[in-house]
Amino acid sequence: MDFESFFKTIGKARRIAWIFGVLYILVCLGMGWEFDKINQKNWMVAAGTGGVVAFLWIAYPYFRRFCDYRQAQRAERLLGHEGRALGIRRIYTNGVPRKLLREQLTKPGIKRIRILAHSAKTYLILYAAELWPELLASRELTISLLIAHEGTPFIEEAAQMENIYMNREDPISPAIREVKQFLAGKAKKSNRKDFIEIRQYSTQIRANLVIVDDAWCCFTPHLPPVSPMNSFAFELEKVVWNDKKTLIGGCIDHFEAIWNIAEPVQDAT
C-alpha cells in the first residue's frame, strides 16, 4: 500500500470538501432558504457536507498517525531481528522528516552534532531555522559540519544530474556559500570558538549523514539524479546489546575518516 499517495488523495479530498461545503452553505444562506419541508433536503445536504468536512479535518491527523505507526510495525517485521541488530529503526521514502530531525537536534544534554552533506542548507537553515536560539543557548554543544568545496567537478556533476530531476540550474555551490555565511554569523553570536567547526571535502560522497552523540543517525543514500531530500533515509540508533559492527558505527567511522582529511574553514569562527 502506497501510504504517501493515499494521504495526498485524502488531503485533496479534504480541501475540496471544505470548499464545496462552504460554498454550498453560502448559497443556501444567500437564497434565504428557510428550514421547512420544501428546503429540508437542501439543508440536510449542507449539514451532511459540513459533517464530512469536520470529520476529515479532525480525524485526518490521527488517522495518518495511526497509519504511520502501522507502517513502522510492518517495516520492523520486514527488518526482523537482523535489521534491529544492525540498529535500523525505521526507513523513510522521502528523506528525513523535518519533525524527527528537529526533535533529535534539540534533545537535552546533546554534546556533539555531526553533519555530512553537499551544503547542509536543508538541515541547518530550512529545517532548523527556529531551533538556533535553543542551540546557541547550549554551553556544551558543538557542531561539526562537513560540506563540499563549491565549484569542484564532483559538485558540478551532482548539480548537472540533479537538474534533470529538479529542473533548476546549479543550486549546490550558491547553497554552500550561503551556509558558510549563515554559520559564521551564528558562531559570532555564540561567543564560543568551538561551537561550530566547518571543514570542506573534495572527495565524492554518496550519502548524507546527521549524527547526534554517537547514539542516533540519519543515513540518506545519495543516488543522483534524485536529491537526498527525495531519497530513502535510514533512521539508525545505537544498539547497546550488540557488540558487533552496526550501521551507526560505520557511519561514524566514515564521517571521521573524511573529517580528518578535510580542509578547515577559518571564517566559521
Protein backbone atom coordinates (compact mmCIF):
# COMPACT_ATOMS: atom_id res chain seq x y z
CA MET A 1 0.00 0.00 0.00
CA ASP A 2 1.40 3.40 -1.02
CA PHE A 3 0.70 5.49 2.07
CA GLU A 4 2.08 8.74 0.65
CA SER A 5 -0.20 8.65 -2.42
CA PHE A 6 -3.13 7.70 -0.21
CA PHE A 7 -2.54 10.63 2.16
CA LYS A 8 -2.17 13.08 -0.74
CA THR A 9 -5.52 11.89 -2.12
CA ILE A 10 -7.19 12.28 1.27
CA GLY A 11 -5.66 15.73 1.69
CA LYS A 12 -7.01 16.87 -1.69
CA ALA A 13 -10.44 15.43 -0.87
CA ARG A 14 -10.43 17.30 2.43
CA ARG A 15 -9.72 20.62 0.74
CA ILE A 16 -12.32 20.02 -1.98
CA ALA A 17 -14.95 19.03 0.60
CA TRP A 18 -14.15 22.15 2.62
CA ILE A 19 -14.53 24.47 -0.37
CA PHE A 20 -17.72 22.74 -1.57
CA GLY A 21 -19.27 22.78 1.91
CA VAL A 22 -18.60 26.48 2.48
CA LEU A 23 -19.89 27.45 -0.97
CA TYR A 24 -23.00 25.30 -0.58
CA ILE A 25 -23.89 26.79 2.79
CA LEU A 26 -23.30 30.32 1.46
CA VAL A 27 -25.63 29.58 -1.46
CA CYS A 28 -28.27 28.32 0.97
CA LEU A 29 -27.99 31.46 3.06
CA GLY A 30 -27.91 33.70 0.01
CA MET A 31 -31.12 32.21 -1.34
CA GLY A 32 -32.78 32.78 2.01
CA TRP A 33 -33.87 29.18 2.44
CA GLU A 34 -36.00 28.55 5.46
CA PHE A 35 -35.80 25.27 7.24
CA ASP A 36 -39.10 23.86 6.12
CA LYS A 37 -40.25 20.73 4.36
CA ILE A 38 -39.57 22.19 0.93
CA ASN A 39 -35.93 23.08 1.62
CA GLN A 40 -35.28 20.39 4.20
CA LYS A 41 -33.42 18.22 1.68
CA ASN A 42 -31.10 21.07 0.69
CA TRP A 43 -30.26 21.84 4.30
CA MET A 44 -29.64 18.15 5.01
CA VAL A 45 -27.16 18.04 2.15
CA ALA A 46 -25.44 21.14 3.52
CA ALA A 47 -25.34 19.72 7.04
CA GLY A 48 -24.03 16.39 5.75
CA THR A 49 -21.29 18.12 3.79
CA GLY A 50 -20.34 20.13 6.87
CA GLY A 51 -20.20 16.94 8.91
CA VAL A 52 -17.95 15.23 6.36
CA VAL A 53 -15.64 18.25 6.28
CA ALA A 54 -15.45 18.37 10.07
CA PHE A 55 -14.73 14.65 10.26
CA LEU A 56 -11.99 14.79 7.62
CA TRP A 57 -10.43 17.86 9.22
CA ILE A 58 -10.38 16.46 12.75
CA ALA A 59 -9.78 12.77 12.10
CA TYR A 60 -7.18 13.06 9.34
CA PRO A 61 -4.11 13.81 11.55
CA TYR A 62 -4.97 10.98 13.94
CA PHE A 63 -5.62 8.59 11.09
CA ARG A 64 -2.29 9.43 9.50
CA ARG A 65 -0.51 8.94 12.80
CA PHE A 66 -2.14 5.53 13.15
CA CYS A 67 -1.13 4.56 9.59
CA ASP A 68 2.45 5.73 10.21
CA TYR A 69 2.51 3.52 13.29
CA ARG A 70 1.24 0.53 11.33
CA GLN A 71 3.77 1.23 8.59
CA ALA A 72 6.54 1.31 11.18
CA GLN A 73 5.31 -2.00 12.57
CA ARG A 74 5.35 -3.53 9.10
CA ALA A 75 8.85 -2.21 8.45
CA GLU A 76 10.01 -3.65 11.75
CA ARG A 77 8.61 -7.06 10.83
CA LEU A 78 10.33 -6.90 7.44
CA LEU A 79 13.63 -5.90 9.01
CA GLY A 80 13.39 -8.66 11.55
CA HIS A 81 15.99 -9.44 14.17
CA GLU A 82 18.98 -8.80 11.89
CA GLY A 83 17.78 -5.32 10.98
CA ARG A 84 17.25 -4.37 14.61
CA ALA A 85 20.63 -5.82 15.50
CA LEU A 86 22.22 -3.55 12.90
CA GLY A 87 20.49 -0.57 14.51
CA ILE A 88 17.91 0.19 11.79
CA ARG A 89 14.96 1.82 13.50
CA ARG A 90 12.93 2.97 10.52
CA ILE A 91 13.19 3.63 6.78
CA TYR A 92 11.69 6.75 5.17
CA THR A 93 10.99 7.19 1.45
CA ASN A 94 11.37 10.99 1.14
CA GLY A 95 14.39 11.95 3.21
CA VAL A 96 14.48 12.52 6.95
CA PRO A 97 11.20 14.02 8.25
CA ARG A 98 11.52 17.62 9.44
CA LYS A 99 9.82 16.89 12.77
CA LEU A 100 12.09 13.94 13.53
CA LEU A 101 15.25 15.92 12.80
CA ARG A 102 14.10 18.85 14.93
CA GLU A 103 13.34 16.51 17.84
CA GLN A 104 16.77 14.88 17.68
CA LEU A 105 18.70 18.17 17.37
CA THR A 106 17.04 19.65 20.46
CA LYS A 107 17.24 16.69 22.82
CA PRO A 108 18.52 17.74 26.27
CA GLY A 109 22.18 17.12 27.02
CA ILE A 110 23.45 16.80 23.46
CA LYS A 111 27.22 17.21 23.23
CA ARG A 112 28.00 16.94 19.51
CA ILE A 113 26.16 17.07 16.20
CA ARG A 114 27.94 15.85 13.06
CA ILE A 115 26.57 16.63 9.61
CA LEU A 116 27.91 15.45 6.26
CA ALA A 117 26.24 16.80 3.11
CA HIS A 118 26.86 18.78 -0.04
CA SER A 119 25.72 22.05 1.56
CA ALA A 120 23.54 21.07 4.57
CA LYS A 121 21.26 24.03 3.79
CA THR A 122 18.12 21.92 4.20
CA TYR A 123 19.20 20.64 7.61
CA LEU A 124 20.62 23.81 9.14
CA ILE A 125 18.55 26.60 7.57
CA LEU A 126 15.29 25.22 6.18
CA TYR A 127 14.59 22.58 8.83
CA ALA A 128 16.26 24.13 11.88
CA ALA A 129 15.53 27.83 11.38
CA GLU A 130 13.57 28.15 14.64
CA LEU A 131 15.97 25.96 16.63
CA TRP A 132 19.03 28.21 16.61
CA PRO A 133 18.20 30.19 19.79
CA GLU A 134 18.00 26.90 21.68
CA LEU A 135 21.16 25.54 20.05
CA LEU A 136 23.07 28.75 20.79
CA ALA A 137 21.95 28.63 24.43
CA SER A 138 23.67 25.29 24.98
CA ARG A 139 27.07 25.63 26.66
CA GLU A 140 28.31 22.15 25.76
CA LEU A 141 27.04 21.57 22.23
CA THR A 142 29.47 21.53 19.32
CA ILE A 143 28.54 21.24 15.65
CA SER A 144 30.92 19.57 13.21
CA LEU A 145 29.95 20.24 9.61
CA LEU A 146 31.43 18.59 6.53
CA ILE A 147 30.42 20.24 3.26
CA ALA A 148 31.79 20.14 -0.25
CA HIS A 149 34.10 22.65 -1.92
CA GLU A 150 31.98 24.80 -4.20
CA GLY A 151 32.74 24.63 -7.89
CA THR A 152 34.53 21.27 -7.79
CA PRO A 153 34.00 18.74 -10.62
CA PHE A 154 32.04 16.50 -8.24
CA ILE A 155 29.62 19.28 -7.28
CA GLU A 156 29.19 20.35 -10.90
CA GLU A 157 28.47 16.74 -11.82
CA ALA A 158 25.96 16.32 -8.99
CA ALA A 159 24.23 19.60 -9.88
CA GLN A 160 24.02 18.59 -13.54
CA MET A 161 22.41 15.24 -12.68
CA GLU A 162 20.00 16.75 -10.14
CA ASN A 163 18.98 19.34 -12.70
CA ILE A 164 17.43 16.51 -14.73
CA TYR A 165 15.14 15.68 -11.81
CA MET A 166 14.60 19.11 -10.23
CA ASN A 167 14.71 21.26 -13.39
CA ARG A 168 16.85 24.05 -11.98
CA GLU A 169 20.38 25.32 -12.55
CA ASP A 170 23.33 24.64 -10.23
CA PRO A 171 21.78 25.07 -6.76
CA ILE A 172 24.62 23.50 -4.79
CA SER A 173 27.55 25.94 -4.95
CA PRO A 174 25.43 29.01 -4.02
CA ALA A 175 23.91 26.99 -1.17
CA ILE A 176 27.38 26.13 0.15
CA ARG A 177 28.37 29.79 0.23
CA GLU A 178 25.06 30.69 1.89
CA VAL A 179 25.56 28.08 4.64
CA LYS A 180 29.10 29.27 5.38
CA GLN A 181 27.94 32.87 5.72
CA PHE A 182 24.95 31.83 7.83
CA LEU A 183 27.04 29.76 10.25
CA ALA A 184 29.72 32.43 10.50
CA GLY A 185 27.06 34.74 11.91
CA LYS A 186 25.83 32.08 14.34
CA ALA A 187 29.39 31.40 15.51
CA LYS A 188 29.84 35.08 16.39
CA LYS A 189 26.61 35.10 18.39
CA SER A 190 27.63 32.04 20.39
CA ASN A 191 30.80 33.64 21.84
CA ARG A 192 32.39 30.17 21.76
CA LYS A 193 35.22 29.34 19.41
CA ASP A 194 34.41 25.62 19.50
CA PHE A 195 30.66 25.94 18.88
CA ILE A 196 30.82 25.42 15.11
CA GLU A 197 33.62 23.91 13.07
CA ILE A 198 33.32 23.60 9.31
CA ARG A 199 35.53 21.57 7.05
CA GLN A 200 35.26 21.13 3.31
CA TYR A 201 36.00 17.95 1.39
CA SER A 202 36.99 17.43 -2.24
CA THR A 203 36.24 13.73 -2.45
CA GLN A 204 32.95 12.31 -3.70
CA ILE A 205 30.25 11.31 -1.23
CA ARG A 206 27.13 9.32 -2.00
CA ALA A 207 25.30 9.76 1.30
CA ASN A 208 24.21 12.42 3.76
CA LEU A 209 24.75 11.91 7.47
CA VAL A 210 23.30 13.57 10.56
CA ILE A 211 24.80 12.05 13.70
CA VAL A 212 23.79 13.03 17.22
CA ASP A 213 26.10 11.99 20.08
CA ASP A 214 27.03 8.58 18.61
CA ALA A 215 23.54 7.41 19.62
CA TRP A 216 21.33 8.45 16.69
CA CYS A 217 21.95 8.88 12.99
CA CYS A 218 20.06 9.59 9.79
CA PHE A 219 21.79 7.91 6.84
CA THR A 220 20.49 9.11 3.46
CA PRO A 221 22.00 7.48 0.37
CA HIS A 222 22.50 9.97 -2.45
CA LEU A 223 21.54 8.47 -5.77
CA PRO A 224 21.51 11.22 -8.43
CA PRO A 225 19.51 12.44 -10.24
CA VAL A 226 17.29 12.16 -7.15
CA SER A 227 18.32 14.64 -4.46
CA PRO A 228 18.93 13.41 -0.89
CA MET A 229 15.75 15.13 0.29
CA ASN A 230 13.74 12.89 -2.07
CA SER A 231 15.72 9.73 -1.47
CA PHE A 232 15.44 6.90 1.04
CA ALA A 233 16.58 7.68 4.58
CA PHE A 234 17.56 5.18 7.26
CA GLU A 235 17.00 6.16 10.87
CA LEU A 236 19.72 4.42 12.87
CA GLU A 237 20.26 4.08 16.60
CA LYS A 238 22.91 2.69 18.91
CA VAL A 239 22.35 -0.95 19.80
CA VAL A 240 23.52 -1.45 23.35
CA TRP A 241 23.23 -5.23 23.35
CA ASN A 242 25.10 -5.74 20.07
CA ASP A 243 28.88 -5.56 20.38
CA LYS A 244 29.40 -6.34 16.70
CA LYS A 245 29.60 -3.81 13.87
CA THR A 246 26.47 -1.73 13.44
CA LEU A 247 25.41 0.71 10.75
CA ILE A 248 25.67 3.74 13.01
CA GLY A 249 29.24 2.73 13.88
CA GLY A 250 30.09 2.55 10.18
CA CYS A 251 28.57 5.99 9.61
CA ILE A 252 30.61 7.49 12.44
CA ASP A 253 33.82 5.92 11.12
CA HIS A 254 33.05 7.25 7.62
CA PHE A 255 32.44 10.77 8.93
CA GLU A 256 35.63 10.82 10.99
CA ALA A 257 37.71 9.49 8.08
CA ILE A 258 36.60 12.36 5.85
CA TRP A 259 36.83 14.84 8.74
CA ASN A 260 40.49 14.01 9.30
CA ILE A 261 41.49 14.81 5.70
CA ALA A 262 39.10 17.70 5.04
CA GLU A 263 40.20 21.34 4.90
CA PRO A 264 39.11 23.58 7.84
CA VAL A 265 37.17 26.74 7.06
CA GLN A 266 38.73 29.55 9.08
CA ASP A 267 35.86 32.02 8.60
CA ALA A 268 33.46 29.77 10.51
CA THR A 269 34.73 31.05 13.81
